[in-house]
PDB file of N, CA and C in Angstrom:
ATOM      1  N   MET A   1     -54.546  73.501 -54.374  1.00  0.00           N
ATOM      2  CA  MET A   1     -54.512  73.927 -55.700  1.00  0.00           C
ATOM      3  C   MET A   1     -53.448  74.947 -55.967  1.00  0.00           C
ATOM      4  N   PRO A   2     -52.780  74.987 -57.366  1.00  0.00           N
ATOM      5  CA  PRO A   2     -51.927  76.044 -57.554  1.00  0.00           C
ATOM      6  C   PRO A   2     -52.531  77.326 -57.407  1.00  0.00           C
ATOM      7  N   ALA A   3     -51.819  78.374 -56.902  1.00  0.00           N
ATOM      8  CA  ALA A   3     -52.359  79.758 -56.992  1.00  0.00           C
ATOM      9  C   ALA A   3     -52.227  80.307 -58.335  1.00  0.00           C
ATOM     10  N   SER A   4     -52.934  80.056 -59.089  1.00  0.00           N
ATOM     11  CA  SER A   4     -52.950  80.381 -60.598  1.00  0.00           C
ATOM     12  C   SER A   4     -54.266  81.229 -60.823  1.00  0.00           C
ATOM     13  N   PRO A   5     -54.323  81.846 -62.010  1.00  0.00           N
ATOM     14  CA  PRO A   5     -55.423  82.822 -62.135  1.00  0.00           C
ATOM     15  C   PRO A   5     -56.639  82.074 -62.281  1.00  0.00           C
ATOM     16  N   GLU A   6     -56.745  80.657 -62.458  1.00  0.00           N
ATOM     17  CA  GLU A   6     -58.046  79.996 -62.652  1.00  0.00           C
ATOM     18  C   GLU A   6     -58.606  79.673 -61.288  1.00  0.00           C
ATOM     19  N   SER A   7     -57.691  79.918 -60.114  1.00  0.00           N
ATOM     20  CA  SER A   7     -57.944  79.483 -58.702  1.00  0.00           C
ATOM     21  C   SER A   7     -59.179  80.097 -58.249  1.00  0.00           C
ATOM     22  N   PRO A   8     -59.403  81.520 -58.372  1.00  0.00           N
ATOM     23  CA  PRO A   8     -60.592  82.134 -57.757  1.00  0.00           C
ATOM     24  C   PRO A   8     -61.989  81.609 -58.227  1.00  0.00           C
ATOM     25  N   GLY A   9     -62.013  81.219 -59.520  1.00  0.00           N
ATOM     26  CA  GLY A   9     -63.173  80.657 -60.156  1.00  0.00           C
ATOM     27  C   GLY A   9     -63.305  79.371 -59.533  1.00  0.00           C
ATOM     28  N   LEU A  10     -62.460  78.330 -59.342  1.00  0.00           N
ATOM     29  CA  LEU A  10     -62.509  77.225 -58.974  1.00  0.00           C
ATOM     30  C   LEU A  10     -62.958  77.136 -57.362  1.00  0.00           C
ATOM     31  N   ALA A  11     -62.332  78.135 -56.651  1.00  0.00           N
ATOM     32  CA  ALA A  11     -62.667  78.392 -55.223  1.00  0.00           C
ATOM     33  C   ALA A  11     -64.206  78.649 -55.297  1.00  0.00           C
ATOM     34  N   ARG A  12     -64.704  79.656 -56.079  1.00  0.00           N
ATOM     35  CA  ARG A  12     -66.175  79.937 -56.037  1.00  0.00           C
ATOM     36  C   ARG A  12     -67.066  78.841 -56.179  1.00  0.00           C
ATOM     37  N   ARG A  13     -66.766  78.032 -57.287  1.00  0.00           N
ATOM     38  CA  ARG A  13     -67.647  76.760 -57.347  1.00  0.00           C
ATOM     39  C   ARG A  13     -67.678  75.761 -56.283  1.00  0.00           C
ATOM     40  N   PHE A  14     -66.372  75.728 -55.854  1.00  0.00           N
ATOM     41  CA  PHE A  14     -66.381  74.787 -54.555  1.00  0.00           C
ATOM     42  C   PHE A  14     -67.164  75.184 -53.527  1.00  0.00           C
ATOM     43  N   VAL A  15     -67.068  76.636 -53.219  1.00  0.00           N
ATOM     44  CA  VAL A  15     -67.875  77.035 -51.915  1.00  0.00           C
ATOM     45  C   VAL A  15     -69.407  76.983 -52.250  1.00  0.00           C
ATOM     46  N   ARG A  16     -69.664  77.386 -53.366  1.00  0.00           N
ATOM     47  CA  ARG A  16     -71.132  77.476 -53.894  1.00  0.00           C
ATOM     48  C   ARG A  16     -71.893  75.941 -53.593  1.00  0.00           C
ATOM     49  N   ALA A  17     -71.085  75.111 -54.150  1.00  0.00           N
ATOM     50  CA  ALA A  17     -71.461  73.617 -54.162  1.00  0.00           C
ATOM     51  C   ALA A  17     -71.651  73.042 -52.787  1.00  0.00           C
ATOM     52  N   TYR A  18     -70.561  73.518 -51.850  1.00  0.00           N
ATOM     53  CA  TYR A  18     -70.413  72.919 -50.627  1.00  0.00           C
ATOM     54  C   TYR A  18     -71.561  73.611 -49.739  1.00  0.00           C
ATOM     55  N   ALA A  19     -71.814  74.799 -49.970  1.00  0.00           N
ATOM     56  CA  ALA A  19     -72.909  75.606 -49.313  1.00  0.00           C
ATOM     57  C   ALA A  19     -74.326  75.015 -49.498  1.00  0.00           C
ATOM     58  N   ALA A  20     -74.515  74.729 -51.007  1.00  0.00           N
ATOM     59  CA  ALA A  20     -75.818  74.077 -51.352  1.00  0.00           C
ATOM     60  C   ALA A  20     -75.916  72.786 -50.647  1.00  0.00           C
ATOM     61  N   ARG A  21     -74.842  71.830 -50.674  1.00  0.00           N
ATOM     62  CA  ARG A  21     -75.054  70.628 -50.103  1.00  0.00           C
ATOM     63  C   ARG A  21     -75.236  70.447 -48.630  1.00  0.00           C
ATOM     64  N   HIS A  22     -74.909  71.590 -47.946  1.00  0.00           N
ATOM     65  CA  HIS A  22     -74.986  71.807 -46.540  1.00  0.00           C
ATOM     66  C   HIS A  22     -76.034  72.526 -45.844  1.00  0.00           C
ATOM     67  N   GLY A  23     -76.911  72.925 -46.798  1.00  0.00           N
ATOM     68  CA  GLY A  23     -77.961  73.609 -46.421  1.00  0.00           C
ATOM     69  C   GLY A  23     -78.061  75.107 -46.110  1.00  0.00           C
ATOM     70  N   ILE A  24     -77.131  75.754 -46.493  1.00  0.00           N
ATOM     71  CA  ILE A  24     -76.808  77.062 -46.452  1.00  0.00           C
ATOM     72  C   ILE A  24     -77.842  77.962 -47.231  1.00  0.00           C
ATOM     73  N   ARG A  25     -78.401  78.737 -46.535  1.00  0.00           N
ATOM     74  CA  ARG A  25     -79.369  79.617 -47.448  1.00  0.00           C
ATOM     75  C   ARG A  25     -78.822  79.985 -48.711  1.00  0.00           C
ATOM     76  N   ALA A  26     -79.822  79.675 -49.680  1.00  0.00           N
ATOM     77  CA  ALA A  26     -79.356  80.014 -51.198  1.00  0.00           C
ATOM     78  C   ALA A  26     -78.891  81.672 -51.393  1.00  0.00           C
ATOM     79  N   ASP A  27     -79.446  82.756 -50.550  1.00  0.00           N
ATOM     80  CA  ASP A  27     -79.337  83.944 -50.769  1.00  0.00           C
ATOM     81  C   ASP A  27     -77.906  84.332 -50.221  1.00  0.00           C
ATOM     82  N   LEU A  28     -77.247  83.334 -49.546  1.00  0.00           N
ATOM     83  CA  LEU A  28     -75.843  83.651 -49.067  1.00  0.00           C
ATOM     84  C   LEU A  28     -74.768  82.974 -50.023  1.00  0.00           C
ATOM     85  N   HIS A  29     -75.181  82.392 -50.809  1.00  0.00           N
ATOM     86  CA  HIS A  29     -74.163  81.657 -51.694  1.00  0.00           C
ATOM     87  C   HIS A  29     -73.284  82.873 -52.591  1.00  0.00           C
ATOM     88  N   ALA A  30     -73.873  83.566 -53.112  1.00  0.00           N
ATOM     89  CA  ALA A  30     -72.955  84.677 -53.836  1.00  0.00           C
ATOM     90  C   ALA A  30     -72.029  85.406 -52.878  1.00  0.00           C
ATOM     91  N   ALA A  31     -72.530  85.682 -51.663  1.00  0.00           N
ATOM     92  CA  ALA A  31     -71.774  86.478 -50.709  1.00  0.00           C
ATOM     93  C   ALA A  31     -70.442  85.438 -50.250  1.00  0.00           C
ATOM     94  N   LEU A  32     -70.658  84.397 -49.941  1.00  0.00           N
ATOM     95  CA  LEU A  32     -69.671  83.530 -49.464  1.00  0.00           C
ATOM     96  C   LEU A  32     -68.829  83.146 -50.577  1.00  0.00           C
ATOM     97  N   ALA A  33     -69.143  83.078 -52.034  1.00  0.00           N
ATOM     98  CA  ALA A  33     -68.331  82.993 -53.170  1.00  0.00           C
ATOM     99  C   ALA A  33     -67.488  84.105 -53.322  1.00  0.00           C
ATOM    100  N   LEU A  34     -68.025  85.346 -53.107  1.00  0.00           N
ATOM    101  CA  LEU A  34     -67.231  86.617 -53.214  1.00  0.00           C
ATOM    102  C   LEU A  34     -66.178  86.739 -52.094  1.00  0.00           C
ATOM    103  N   CYS A  35     -66.372  86.391 -50.946  1.00  0.00           N
ATOM    104  CA  CYS A  35     -65.228  86.426 -49.910  1.00  0.00           C
ATOM    105  C   CYS A  35     -64.383  85.410 -50.131  1.00  0.00           C
ATOM    106  N   VAL A  36     -64.509  84.127 -50.549  1.00  0.00           N
ATOM    107  CA  VAL A  36     -63.513  83.394 -50.908  1.00  0.00           C
ATOM    108  C   VAL A  36     -62.792  83.742 -52.038  1.00  0.00           C
ATOM    109  N   SER A  37     -63.489  84.152 -53.169  1.00  0.00           N
ATOM    110  CA  SER A  37     -62.708  84.616 -54.306  1.00  0.00           C
ATOM    111  C   SER A  37     -62.003  85.971 -53.942  1.00  0.00           C
ATOM    112  N   GLU A  38     -62.107  86.758 -53.075  1.00  0.00           N
ATOM    113  CA  GLU A  38     -61.345  87.859 -52.729  1.00  0.00           C
ATOM    114  C   GLU A  38     -60.158  87.159 -52.118  1.00  0.00           C
ATOM    115  N   ALA A  39     -60.276  86.493 -51.081  1.00  0.00           N
ATOM    116  CA  ALA A  39     -59.015  85.894 -50.389  1.00  0.00           C
ATOM    117  C   ALA A  39     -58.097  85.062 -51.413  1.00  0.00           C
ATOM    118  N   VAL A  40     -58.756  84.193 -52.222  1.00  0.00           N
ATOM    119  CA  VAL A  40     -57.823  83.518 -53.084  1.00  0.00           C
ATOM    120  C   VAL A  40     -57.272  84.318 -54.025  1.00  0.00           C
ATOM    121  N   SER A  41     -57.942  85.402 -54.701  1.00  0.00           N
ATOM    122  CA  SER A  41     -57.320  86.408 -55.573  1.00  0.00           C
ATOM    123  C   SER A  41     -55.998  87.191 -54.885  1.00  0.00           C
ATOM    124  N   ASN A  42     -56.207  87.399 -53.648  1.00  0.00           N
ATOM    125  CA  ASN A  42     -55.221  87.998 -53.158  1.00  0.00           C
ATOM    126  C   ASN A  42     -53.860  87.061 -53.007  1.00  0.00           C
ATOM    127  N   VAL A  43     -54.158  85.921 -52.592  1.00  0.00           N
ATOM    128  CA  VAL A  43     -52.863  84.908 -52.781  1.00  0.00           C
ATOM    129  C   VAL A  43     -52.268  84.899 -54.170  1.00  0.00           C
ATOM    130  N   VAL A  44     -53.255  84.840 -55.131  1.00  0.00           N
ATOM    131  CA  VAL A  44     -52.662  84.755 -56.624  1.00  0.00           C
ATOM    132  C   VAL A  44     -51.847  86.088 -57.041  1.00  0.00           C
ATOM    133  N   VAL A  45     -52.466  87.167 -56.698  1.00  0.00           N
ATOM    134  CA  VAL A  45     -51.807  88.618 -57.059  1.00  0.00           C
ATOM    135  C   VAL A  45     -50.747  88.794 -56.253  1.00  0.00           C
ATOM    136  N   HIS A  46     -50.845  88.529 -54.826  1.00  0.00           N
ATOM    137  CA  HIS A  46     -49.681  89.173 -53.974  1.00  0.00           C
ATOM    138  C   HIS A  46     -48.711  88.126 -53.096  1.00  0.00           C
ATOM    139  N   VAL A  47     -49.179  86.935 -52.972  1.00  0.00           N
ATOM    140  CA  VAL A  47     -48.249  86.332 -51.907  1.00  0.00           C
ATOM    141  C   VAL A  47     -47.204  85.556 -52.700  1.00  0.00           C
ATOM    142  N   TYR A  48     -47.369  84.856 -53.717  1.00  0.00           N
ATOM    143  CA  TYR A  48     -46.225  84.245 -54.553  1.00  0.00           C
ATOM    144  C   TYR A  48     -45.541  84.894 -55.739  1.00  0.00           C
ATOM    145  N   ARG A  49     -45.713  86.299 -55.718  1.00  0.00           N
ATOM    146  CA  ARG A  49     -45.276  86.970 -56.944  1.00  0.00           C
ATOM    147  C   ARG A  49     -43.770  86.963 -57.246  1.00  0.00           C
ATOM    148  N   ALA A  50     -43.011  86.667 -56.340  1.00  0.00           N
ATOM    149  CA  ALA A  50     -41.445  86.574 -56.313  1.00  0.00           C
ATOM    150  C   ALA A  50     -41.047  85.290 -56.820  1.00  0.00           C
ATOM    151  N   LEU A  51     -41.974  84.232 -57.042  1.00  0.00           N
ATOM    152  CA  LEU A  51     -41.683  82.969 -57.392  1.00  0.00           C
ATOM    153  C   LEU A  51     -41.742  82.808 -58.851  1.00  0.00           C
ATOM    154  N   ASP A  52     -40.978  81.954 -59.440  1.00  0.00           N
ATOM    155  CA  ASP A  52     -41.267  81.535 -60.763  1.00  0.00           C
ATOM    156  C   ASP A  52     -42.402  80.526 -61.177  1.00  0.00           C
ATOM    157  N   GLU A  53     -42.754  79.755 -59.984  1.00  0.00           N
ATOM    158  CA  GLU A  53     -43.805  79.051 -60.250  1.00  0.00           C
ATOM    159  C   GLU A  53     -44.881  79.166 -59.217  1.00  0.00           C
ATOM    160  N   PRO A  54     -46.069  79.243 -59.361  1.00  0.00           N
ATOM    161  CA  PRO A  54     -47.199  79.606 -58.257  1.00  0.00           C
ATOM    162  C   PRO A  54     -46.924  78.648 -57.091  1.00  0.00           C
ATOM    163  N   GLY A  55     -47.264  79.119 -56.012  1.00  0.00           N
ATOM    164  CA  GLY A  55     -47.239  78.274 -54.725  1.00  0.00           C
ATOM    165  C   GLY A  55     -48.773  77.704 -54.708  1.00  0.00           C
ATOM    166  N   GLU A  56     -48.908  77.202 -53.561  1.00  0.00           N
ATOM    167  CA  GLU A  56     -50.320  76.533 -53.263  1.00  0.00           C
ATOM    168  C   GLU A  56     -51.250  77.399 -52.422  1.00  0.00           C
ATOM    169  N   VAL A  57     -52.515  77.314 -52.775  1.00  0.00           N
ATOM    170  CA  VAL A  57     -53.836  77.787 -52.021  1.00  0.00           C
ATOM    171  C   VAL A  57     -54.538  76.787 -51.748  1.00  0.00           C
ATOM    172  N   GLN A  58     -55.007  76.762 -50.480  1.00  0.00           N
ATOM    173  CA  GLN A  58     -55.952  75.819 -49.955  1.00  0.00           C
ATOM    174  C   GLN A  58     -57.341  76.327 -49.545  1.00  0.00           C
ATOM    175  N   VAL A  59     -58.244  75.706 -50.027  1.00  0.00           N
ATOM    176  CA  VAL A  59     -59.674  76.378 -49.552  1.00  0.00           C
ATOM    177  C   VAL A  59     -60.331  75.263 -48.709  1.00  0.00           C
ATOM    178  N   GLU A  60     -60.718  75.187 -47.644  1.00  0.00           N
ATOM    179  CA  GLU A  60     -61.433  74.461 -46.836  1.00  0.00           C
ATOM    180  C   GLU A  60     -62.816  74.840 -46.366  1.00  0.00           C
ATOM    181  N   ALA A  61     -63.770  74.068 -46.334  1.00  0.00           N
ATOM    182  CA  ALA A  61     -65.230  74.496 -45.697  1.00  0.00           C
ATOM    183  C   ALA A  61     -65.424  73.190 -44.744  1.00  0.00           C
ATOM    184  N   HIS A  62     -65.940  73.867 -43.506  1.00  0.00           N
ATOM    185  CA  HIS A  62     -66.542  72.824 -42.511  1.00  0.00           C
ATOM    186  C   HIS A  62     -67.955  73.500 -41.909  1.00  0.00           C
ATOM    187  N   LYS A  63     -68.810  72.668 -41.697  1.00  0.00           N
ATOM    188  CA  LYS A  63     -70.023  73.006 -41.073  1.00  0.00           C
ATOM    189  C   LYS A  63     -70.363  71.977 -39.912  1.00  0.00           C
ATOM    190  N   PRO A  64     -69.589  72.028 -38.731  1.00  0.00           N
ATOM    191  CA  PRO A  64     -69.775  71.015 -37.850  1.00  0.00           C
ATOM    192  C   PRO A  64     -70.931  71.332 -36.966  1.00  0.00           C
ATOM    193  N   ASP A  65     -71.618  72.620 -37.028  1.00  0.00           N
ATOM    194  CA  ASP A  65     -72.561  72.915 -36.193  1.00  0.00           C
ATOM    195  C   ASP A  65     -73.613  74.059 -37.027  1.00  0.00           C
ATOM    196  N   SER A  66     -74.119  74.916 -36.462  1.00  0.00           N
ATOM    197  CA  SER A  66     -74.891  76.036 -37.289  1.00  0.00           C
ATOM    198  C   SER A  66     -74.069  76.930 -37.943  1.00  0.00           C
ATOM    199  N   TYR A  67     -72.869  76.919 -37.981  1.00  0.00           N
ATOM    200  CA  TYR A  67     -72.016  77.882 -38.520  1.00  0.00           C
ATOM    201  C   TYR A  67     -71.173  77.316 -39.678  1.00  0.00           C
ATOM    202  N   LEU A  68     -70.724  78.029 -40.651  1.00  0.00           N
ATOM    203  CA  LEU A  68     -69.932  77.540 -41.517  1.00  0.00           C
ATOM    204  C   LEU A  68     -68.519  78.210 -41.339  1.00  0.00           C
ATOM    205  N   TYR A  69     -67.742  77.442 -41.495  1.00  0.00           N
ATOM    206  CA  TYR A  69     -66.166  77.795 -41.534  1.00  0.00           C
ATOM    207  C   TYR A  69     -65.456  77.693 -42.677  1.00  0.00           C
ATOM    208  N   LEU A  70     -65.127  78.707 -43.311  1.00  0.00           N
ATOM    209  CA  LEU A  70     -64.229  78.892 -44.509  1.00  0.00           C
ATOM    210  C   LEU A  70     -62.854  79.067 -44.193  1.00  0.00           C
ATOM    211  N   TYR A  71     -61.972  78.522 -44.900  1.00  0.00           N
ATOM    212  CA  TYR A  71     -60.444  78.693 -44.594  1.00  0.00           C
ATOM    213  C   TYR A  71     -59.813  78.688 -45.824  1.00  0.00           C
ATOM    214  N   VAL A  72     -58.973  79.832 -46.110  1.00  0.00           N
ATOM    215  CA  VAL A  72     -58.201  80.049 -47.242  1.00  0.00           C
ATOM    216  C   VAL A  72     -56.790  80.252 -46.682  1.00  0.00           C
ATOM    217  N   ARG A  73     -55.959  79.285 -47.201  1.00  0.00           N
ATOM    218  CA  ARG A  73     -54.508  79.075 -46.698  1.00  0.00           C
ATOM    219  C   ARG A  73     -53.651  79.267 -47.639  1.00  0.00           C
ATOM    220  N   ASP A  74     -52.317  79.966 -47.493  1.00  0.00           N
ATOM    221  CA  ASP A  74     -51.309  80.017 -48.363  1.00  0.00           C
ATOM    222  C   ASP A  74     -49.880  79.728 -47.428  1.00  0.00           C
ATOM    223  N   HIS A  75     -48.888  79.602 -48.081  1.00  0.00           N
ATOM    224  CA  HIS A  75     -47.569  79.332 -47.307  1.00  0.00           C
ATOM    225  C   HIS A  75     -46.645  80.442 -47.732  1.00  0.00           C
ATOM    226  N   GLY A  76     -47.240  81.784 -48.093  1.00  0.00           N
ATOM    227  CA  GLY A  76     -46.396  82.963 -48.545  1.00  0.00           C
ATOM    228  C   GLY A  76     -46.102  83.603 -47.215  1.00  0.00           C
ATOM    229  N   GLY A  77     -45.365  84.893 -47.480  1.00  0.00           N
ATOM    230  CA  GLY A  77     -44.758  85.569 -46.475  1.00  0.00           C
ATOM    231  C   GLY A  77     -45.697  86.636 -46.103  1.00  0.00           C
ATOM    232  N   GLY A  78     -46.998  86.683 -46.328  1.00  0.00           N
ATOM    233  CA  GLY A  78     -47.786  87.885 -46.107  1.00  0.00           C
ATOM    234  C   GLY A  78     -48.142  88.829 -47.413  1.00  0.00           C
ATOM    235  N   LEU A  79     -49.110  89.607 -47.223  1.00  0.00           N
ATOM    236  CA  LEU A  79     -49.437  90.559 -48.317  1.00  0.00           C
ATOM    237  C   LEU A  79     -48.582  91.778 -48.063  1.00  0.00           C
ATOM    238  N   ALA A  80     -48.233  92.295 -49.236  1.00  0.00           N
ATOM    239  CA  ALA A  80     -47.331  93.615 -49.343  1.00  0.00           C
ATOM    240  C   ALA A  80     -47.893  94.358 -50.589  1.00  0.00           C
ATOM    241  N   PRO A  81     -47.891  95.519 -50.515  1.00  0.00           N
ATOM    242  CA  PRO A  81     -48.333  96.400 -51.598  1.00  0.00           C
ATOM    243  C   PRO A  81     -47.708  96.129 -52.892  1.00  0.00           C
ATOM    244  N   ARG A  82     -48.164  96.045 -53.932  1.00  0.00           N
ATOM    245  CA  ARG A  82     -47.479  95.910 -55.300  1.00  0.00           C
ATOM    246  C   ARG A  82     -46.898  97.071 -55.626  1.00  0.00           C
ATOM    247  N   GLN A  83     -45.342  97.101 -55.950  1.00  0.00           N
ATOM    248  CA  GLN A  83     -44.759  98.261 -56.206  1.00  0.00           C
ATOM    249  C   GLN A  83     -44.777  98.418 -57.846  1.00  0.00           C
ATOM    250  N   ASP A  84     -45.211  97.371 -58.542  1.00  0.00           N
ATOM    251  CA  ASP A  84     -45.202  97.465 -59.973  1.00  0.00           C
ATOM    252  C   ASP A  84     -46.522  97.915 -60.687  1.00  0.00           C
ATOM    253  N   THR A  85     -47.561  98.179 -59.790  1.00  0.00           N
ATOM    254  CA  THR A  85     -48.788  98.605 -59.932  1.00  0.00           C
ATOM    255  C   THR A  85     -49.203  99.880 -59.450  1.00  0.00           C
ATOM    256  N   PRO A  86     -49.410 100.824 -60.517  1.00  0.00           N
ATOM    257  CA  PRO A  86     -49.619 102.314 -60.030  1.00  0.00           C
ATOM    258  C   PRO A  86     -51.133 102.241 -59.312  1.00  0.00           C
ATOM    259  N   ARG A  87     -51.161 103.050 -58.203  1.00  0.00           N
ATOM    260  CA  ARG A  87     -52.672 103.293 -57.679  1.00  0.00           C
ATOM    261  C   ARG A  87     -53.251 104.401 -58.092  1.00  0.00           C
ATOM    262  N   SER A  88     -54.344 104.172 -58.804  1.00  0.00           N
ATOM    263  CA  SER A  88     -55.071 105.400 -59.320  1.00  0.00           C
ATOM    264  C   SER A  88     -56.381 105.610 -58.297  1.00  0.00           C
ATOM    265  N   ALA A  89     -57.081 106.782 -58.563  1.00  0.00           N
ATOM    266  CA  ALA A  89     -58.231 106.853 -57.680  1.00  0.00           C
ATOM    267  C   ALA A  89     -59.151 105.787 -57.763  1.00  0.00           C
ATOM    268  N   SER A  90     -59.296 105.274 -59.209  1.00  0.00           N
ATOM    269  CA  SER A  90     -60.375 104.146 -59.406  1.00  0.00           C
ATOM    270  C   SER A  90     -59.923 102.935 -58.616  1.00  0.00           C
ATOM    271  N   ASP A  91     -58.738 102.685 -58.455  1.00  0.00           N
ATOM    272  CA  ASP A  91     -58.205 101.448 -57.886  1.00  0.00           C
ATOM    273  C   ASP A  91     -58.609 101.733 -56.242  1.00  0.00           C
ATOM    274  N   CYS A  92     -58.250 102.878 -55.732  1.00  0.00           N
ATOM    275  CA  CYS A  92     -58.794 103.219 -54.415  1.00  0.00           C
ATOM    276  C   CYS A  92     -60.336 102.944 -54.130  1.00  0.00           C
ATOM    277  N   ARG A  93     -60.994 103.582 -55.113  1.00  0.00           N
ATOM    278  CA  ARG A  93     -62.309 103.373 -55.022  1.00  0.00           C
ATOM    279  C   ARG A  93     -62.737 101.902 -55.072  1.00  0.00           C
ATOM    280  N   SER A  94     -62.367 101.212 -55.914  1.00  0.00           N
ATOM    281  CA  SER A  94     -62.650  99.639 -56.057  1.00  0.00           C
ATOM    282  C   SER A  94     -62.339  98.873 -54.868  1.00  0.00           C
ATOM    283  N   SER A  95     -61.147  99.210 -54.235  1.00  0.00           N
ATOM    284  CA  SER A  95     -60.767  98.552 -53.121  1.00  0.00           C
ATOM    285  C   SER A  95     -61.806  98.986 -51.875  1.00  0.00           C
ATOM    286  N   ARG A  96     -62.082 100.261 -51.688  1.00  0.00           N
ATOM    287  CA  ARG A  96     -63.003 100.748 -50.726  1.00  0.00           C
ATOM    288  C   ARG A  96     -64.435 100.014 -50.992  1.00  0.00           C
ATOM    289  N   LEU A  97     -65.032  99.783 -52.177  1.00  0.00           N
ATOM    290  CA  LEU A  97     -66.084  99.126 -52.403  1.00  0.00           C
ATOM    291  C   LEU A  97     -66.049  97.696 -51.940  1.00  0.00           C
ATOM    292  N   ARG A  98     -65.058  97.176 -52.426  1.00  0.00           N
ATOM    293  CA  ARG A  98     -64.866  95.771 -51.972  1.00  0.00           C
ATOM    294  C   ARG A  98     -64.718  95.561 -50.353  1.00  0.00           C
ATOM    295  N   SER A  99     -64.085  96.319 -49.546  1.00  0.00           N
ATOM    296  CA  SER A  99     -64.137  96.361 -48.063  1.00  0.00           C
ATOM    297  C   SER A  99     -65.491  96.726 -47.752  1.00  0.00           C
ATOM    298  N   GLN A 100     -66.157  97.496 -48.064  1.00  0.00           N
ATOM    299  CA  GLN A 100     -67.523  97.922 -47.701  1.00  0.00           C
ATOM    300  C   GLN A 100     -68.539  96.619 -48.042  1.00  0.00           C
ATOM    301  N   ALA A 101     -68.307  96.055 -49.180  1.00  0.00           N
ATOM    302  CA  ALA A 101     -69.174  94.737 -49.303  1.00  0.00           C
ATOM    303  C   ALA A 101     -68.777  93.607 -48.328  1.00  0.00           C
ATOM    304  N   LEU A 102     -67.524  93.468 -48.072  1.00  0.00           N
ATOM    305  CA  LEU A 102     -67.008  92.543 -47.155  1.00  0.00           C
ATOM    306  C   LEU A 102     -67.448  92.945 -45.554  1.00  0.00           C
ATOM    307  N   ALA A 103     -67.592  93.972 -45.499  1.00  0.00           N
ATOM    308  CA  ALA A 103     -68.230  94.557 -44.086  1.00  0.00           C
ATOM    309  C   ALA A 103     -69.629  94.175 -43.913  1.00  0.00           C
ATOM    310  N   ARG A 104     -70.493  94.557 -45.061  1.00  0.00           N
ATOM    311  CA  ARG A 104     -71.862  94.035 -45.124  1.00  0.00           C
ATOM    312  C   ARG A 104     -71.976  92.358 -45.011  1.00  0.00           C
ATOM    313  N   LEU A 105     -71.191  91.862 -45.471  1.00  0.00           N
ATOM    314  CA  LEU A 105     -71.334  90.166 -45.512  1.00  0.00           C
ATOM    315  C   LEU A 105     -71.126  89.868 -43.953  1.00  0.00           C
ATOM    316  N   ALA A 106     -70.045  90.503 -43.401  1.00  0.00           N
ATOM    317  CA  ALA A 106     -69.862  90.093 -42.022  1.00  0.00           C
ATOM    318  C   ALA A 106     -71.094  90.532 -41.067  1.00  0.00           C
ATOM    319  N   ALA A 107     -71.698  91.417 -41.419  1.00  0.00           N
ATOM    320  CA  ALA A 107     -72.889  91.956 -40.657  1.00  0.00           C
ATOM    321  C   ALA A 107     -74.080  90.759 -40.827  1.00  0.00           C
ATOM    322  N   LEU A 108     -74.024  90.260 -42.100  1.00  0.00           N
ATOM    323  CA  LEU A 108     -75.114  89.060 -42.256  1.00  0.00           C
ATOM    324  C   LEU A 108     -74.731  87.874 -41.500  1.00  0.00           C
ATOM    325  N   ALA A 109     -73.561  87.615 -41.081  1.00  0.00           N
ATOM    326  CA  ALA A 109     -73.158  86.473 -40.362  1.00  0.00           C
ATOM    327  C   ALA A 109     -73.797  86.354 -38.826  1.00  0.00           C
TER     328      ALA A 109
END
């Protein structure tokens, strides 16, 4: 899909539907959607910002055994801090909270 502002929402819906179809515990659906949404949002905001048109972001899910494998791929050059966005204390706090949430999700796995 194109790495556009709509992409995180599409990715969340895809992962929730996939998880429901493949017997993933319902209490984990929101956490899975958050992880994928964060990864896709990073692609949208950071990866292709120097291009006139958005690049592609791919979201894949596989459950070949008792594990769920989620992949978010892009073809950009990696993440770099945005120089056009000032960093306030609330931005740092928000990033820290997201990091803490992702660490808690990893502990659930």
